[in-house]
Protein backbone atom coordinates (compact mmCIF):
# COMPACT_ATOMS: atom_id res chain seq x y z
CA MET A 1 -7.60 23.80 34.80
CA ILE A 2 -7.36 21.60 31.19
CA VAL A 3 -7.29 24.58 29.42
CA LEU A 4 -4.20 26.07 31.20
CA LEU A 5 -2.46 22.64 31.02
CA VAL A 6 -3.53 22.22 27.03
CA PHE A 7 -1.95 25.88 26.52
CA LEU A 8 1.09 24.97 28.73
CA VAL A 9 1.76 21.74 26.58
CA THR A 10 0.80 23.43 22.92
CA ILE A 11 3.64 26.33 24.01
CA PRO A 12 6.66 25.58 21.72
CA LEU A 13 9.35 25.02 23.35
CA HIS A 14 12.04 26.67 20.83
CA ALA A 15 9.85 30.28 20.63
CA GLN A 16 12.76 32.49 22.07
CA THR A 17 14.69 33.91 19.17
CA PHE A 18 18.72 34.33 20.59
CA ALA A 19 20.77 37.10 19.57
CA TYR A 20 22.65 35.32 17.05
CA GLN A 21 19.39 34.52 15.06
CA LYS A 22 17.90 38.08 15.47
CA ASN A 23 20.69 39.63 13.29
CA PRO A 24 21.77 36.89 10.38
CA TYR A 25 24.50 38.95 8.54
CA GLY A 26 27.93 39.74 9.30
CA ILE A 27 30.68 42.02 8.35
CA GLY A 28 34.48 42.08 9.53
CA ILE A 29 37.65 40.49 10.25
CA GLN A 30 38.91 37.24 10.73
CA GLY A 31 42.71 36.24 11.49
CA SER A 32 44.41 32.78 11.53
CA PRO A 33 47.91 31.65 11.32
CA SER A 34 46.40 29.94 7.50
CA THR A 35 43.94 32.39 6.44
CA TRP A 36 42.92 35.95 7.42
CA GLY A 37 41.31 38.69 5.44
CA LEU A 38 37.52 40.51 5.56
CA THR A 39 34.88 38.56 6.33
CA PHE A 40 30.93 38.06 5.72
CA LEU A 41 28.70 36.16 7.50
CA GLN A 42 25.28 34.93 6.59
CA ARG A 43 23.29 32.34 8.71
CA PHE A 44 20.11 30.40 7.46
CA GLY A 45 18.50 29.28 10.97
CA GLU A 46 21.44 27.28 12.99
CA ASN A 47 23.15 27.16 9.85
CA ALA A 48 25.77 29.49 8.30
CA LEU A 49 28.37 30.40 5.63
CA GLN A 50 31.30 32.47 5.85
CA GLY A 51 33.87 33.78 3.44
CA VAL A 52 37.07 35.37 4.11
CA VAL A 53 39.21 37.22 1.47
CA GLY A 54 42.77 38.33 2.14
CA LEU A 55 45.34 39.99 -0.24
CA THR A 56 48.45 41.84 0.27
CA TYR A 57 51.44 42.79 -2.46
CA ASN A 58 54.09 44.89 -1.82
CA PRO A 59 56.87 45.26 -4.61
CA ASP A 60 59.48 46.42 -1.77
CA PRO A 61 58.60 44.24 0.92
CA LEU A 62 59.07 45.14 4.70
CA TYR A 63 58.30 41.61 5.30
CA GLU A 64 58.91 38.18 4.53
CA SER A 65 56.27 38.33 1.24
CA VAL A 66 56.02 39.96 -2.27
CA LEU A 67 52.25 39.09 -2.53
CA THR A 68 49.87 36.83 0.28
CA TYR A 69 46.70 35.79 -0.41
CA ALA A 70 43.85 33.94 1.48
CA VAL A 71 40.46 32.84 0.17
CA ALA A 72 38.51 30.79 2.17
CA ILE A 73 34.69 29.82 2.79
CA ASP A 74 33.67 27.92 6.22
CA TYR A 75 30.12 26.24 7.21
CA GLN A 76 29.25 26.47 10.61
CA ARG A 77 26.29 24.53 12.80
CA THR A 78 24.99 25.36 16.00
CA LEU A 79 25.15 23.23 18.82
CA PHE A 80 24.03 25.59 21.57
CA GLY A 81 22.99 29.08 22.20
CA ASN A 82 22.01 31.15 24.89
CA ASP A 83 21.20 35.02 26.19
CA PHE A 84 22.29 35.37 29.17
CA ASN A 85 20.80 38.88 29.44
CA GLU A 86 19.78 41.49 26.58
CA TYR A 87 23.08 42.93 26.08
CA LEU A 88 25.37 39.59 26.21
CA GLY A 89 24.62 36.38 24.23
CA GLY A 90 26.29 33.33 22.51
CA GLN A 91 26.46 30.08 21.15
CA LEU A 92 28.58 27.10 19.91
CA TYR A 93 29.05 25.50 17.21
CA SER A 94 30.91 23.25 15.04
CA SER A 95 32.85 24.50 11.78
CA ILE A 96 34.15 23.13 8.53
CA SER A 97 36.79 25.29 6.49
CA LEU A 98 37.67 25.08 2.62
CA ALA A 99 40.52 27.60 1.93
CA HIS A 100 43.38 28.56 -0.71
CA THR A 101 46.39 30.14 0.01
CA GLY A 102 48.87 31.42 -1.77
CA GLU A 103 52.52 33.51 -1.38
CA ILE A 104 55.44 34.89 -3.37
CA PRO A 105 57.90 35.12 -0.29
CA TYR A 106 60.89 36.87 -0.39
CA ASP A 107 64.56 36.17 0.52
CA SER A 108 66.38 38.99 2.35
CA SER A 109 69.39 37.55 2.03
CA SER A 110 69.79 37.29 -1.61
CA GLN A 111 67.09 40.44 -2.24
CA THR A 112 64.87 38.34 -4.86
CA ALA A 113 61.64 36.77 -4.97
CA ASP A 114 61.45 33.01 -4.14
CA PRO A 115 58.62 30.97 -6.22
CA PHE A 116 55.09 30.92 -5.79
CA GLU A 117 53.86 28.73 -3.03
CA ALA A 118 50.09 27.53 -3.06
CA LYS A 119 48.27 25.84 -0.32
CA ILE A 120 44.90 23.70 -0.27
CA ILE A 121 43.40 24.00 3.16
CA VAL A 122 40.33 21.57 4.63
CA GLY A 123 39.62 21.65 8.12
CA ALA A 124 37.34 20.40 11.12
CA GLY A 125 36.80 21.78 14.53
CA PHE A 126 34.91 24.40 16.78
CA GLY A 127 34.14 27.58 18.01
CA VAL A 128 32.32 29.99 20.26
CA GLU A 129 30.72 33.11 19.26
CA ALA A 130 30.32 35.92 21.83
CA LEU A 131 27.54 38.37 20.80
CA PHE A 132 27.54 41.99 23.03
CA PHE A 133 24.83 44.40 22.41
CA GLN A 134 23.00 41.93 19.91
CA ASN A 135 25.49 43.51 17.42
CA PHE A 136 29.30 43.00 18.05
CA SER A 137 30.54 39.54 17.34
CA LEU A 138 33.76 38.06 18.78
CA SER A 139 34.45 34.61 17.77
CA LEU A 140 37.07 32.29 19.00
CA GLU A 141 37.77 28.99 16.74
CA PHE A 142 39.88 25.92 17.30
CA ILE A 143 40.22 24.01 14.02
CA TYR A 144 42.41 20.74 12.75
CA ILE A 145 43.50 21.96 9.70
CA PHE A 146 45.09 19.19 7.38
CA TYR A 147 47.09 20.52 4.20
CA TYR A 148 48.40 20.35 0.62
CA ILE A 149 51.06 22.02 -1.13
CA PRO A 150 51.27 21.77 -4.82
CA THR A 151 53.72 23.39 -5.32
CA ALA A 152 55.93 21.75 -3.02
CA SER A 153 59.59 20.02 -4.52
CA ASN A 154 59.07 16.94 -2.93
CA LEU A 155 55.82 14.55 -1.83
CA HIS A 156 57.38 14.33 2.03
CA SER A 157 56.86 18.24 2.53
CA ALA A 158 53.85 18.57 0.50
CA PHE A 159 51.33 17.48 3.46
CA GLY A 160 50.65 18.37 6.60
CA ILE A 161 48.18 18.53 9.59
CA ASP A 162 48.12 21.29 12.44
CA LEU A 163 45.63 22.76 15.04
CA ILE A 164 45.04 26.24 14.62
CA PRO A 165 43.61 29.38 16.35
CA LYS A 166 41.12 31.55 14.25
CA ILE A 167 39.28 34.71 15.71
CA ALA A 168 36.78 36.98 14.00
CA LEU A 169 35.66 40.59 15.14
CA CYS A 170 32.23 41.17 13.43
CA TYR A 171 29.13 43.78 13.32
CA ARG A 172 26.46 41.64 13.12
CA PHE A 173 22.66 42.87 11.69
CA ARG A 174 19.71 42.48 9.41
């Protein structure tokens, strides 16, 4: 009985490895109203870094801009994670973001490109990641962003705060 009690006390409480820890790398796409593009994720234990790069260029724009780009890096810290069965796992995490975006808008009424607009973005919030079959990841985040537009014509329109959603689809691997 004493041997059994000693054995139970010395078993590590976190001996289980969850799906979000088994495959520390991820590659996919991420989209939000402020940043979007291809993404790469790397986990370091309970921490993760995620980079995002997006670019569109069209000299004859069908949309609202000639050039648009976004570069972002996110730091994520797991708050809680669990596997529900061998096919479904998930985690809740906090996230901090730093991003830079730029755009050359297109004015369809005058059919000319407007001056370049840049934006610097800092954000913080929470996310939920669902892992399917331990390799397919769907993340949904809600982030409060603070942005600064250094190319704004006046100080009043240079700053802003917004709550935005982010969604990412990734393939997780080792």
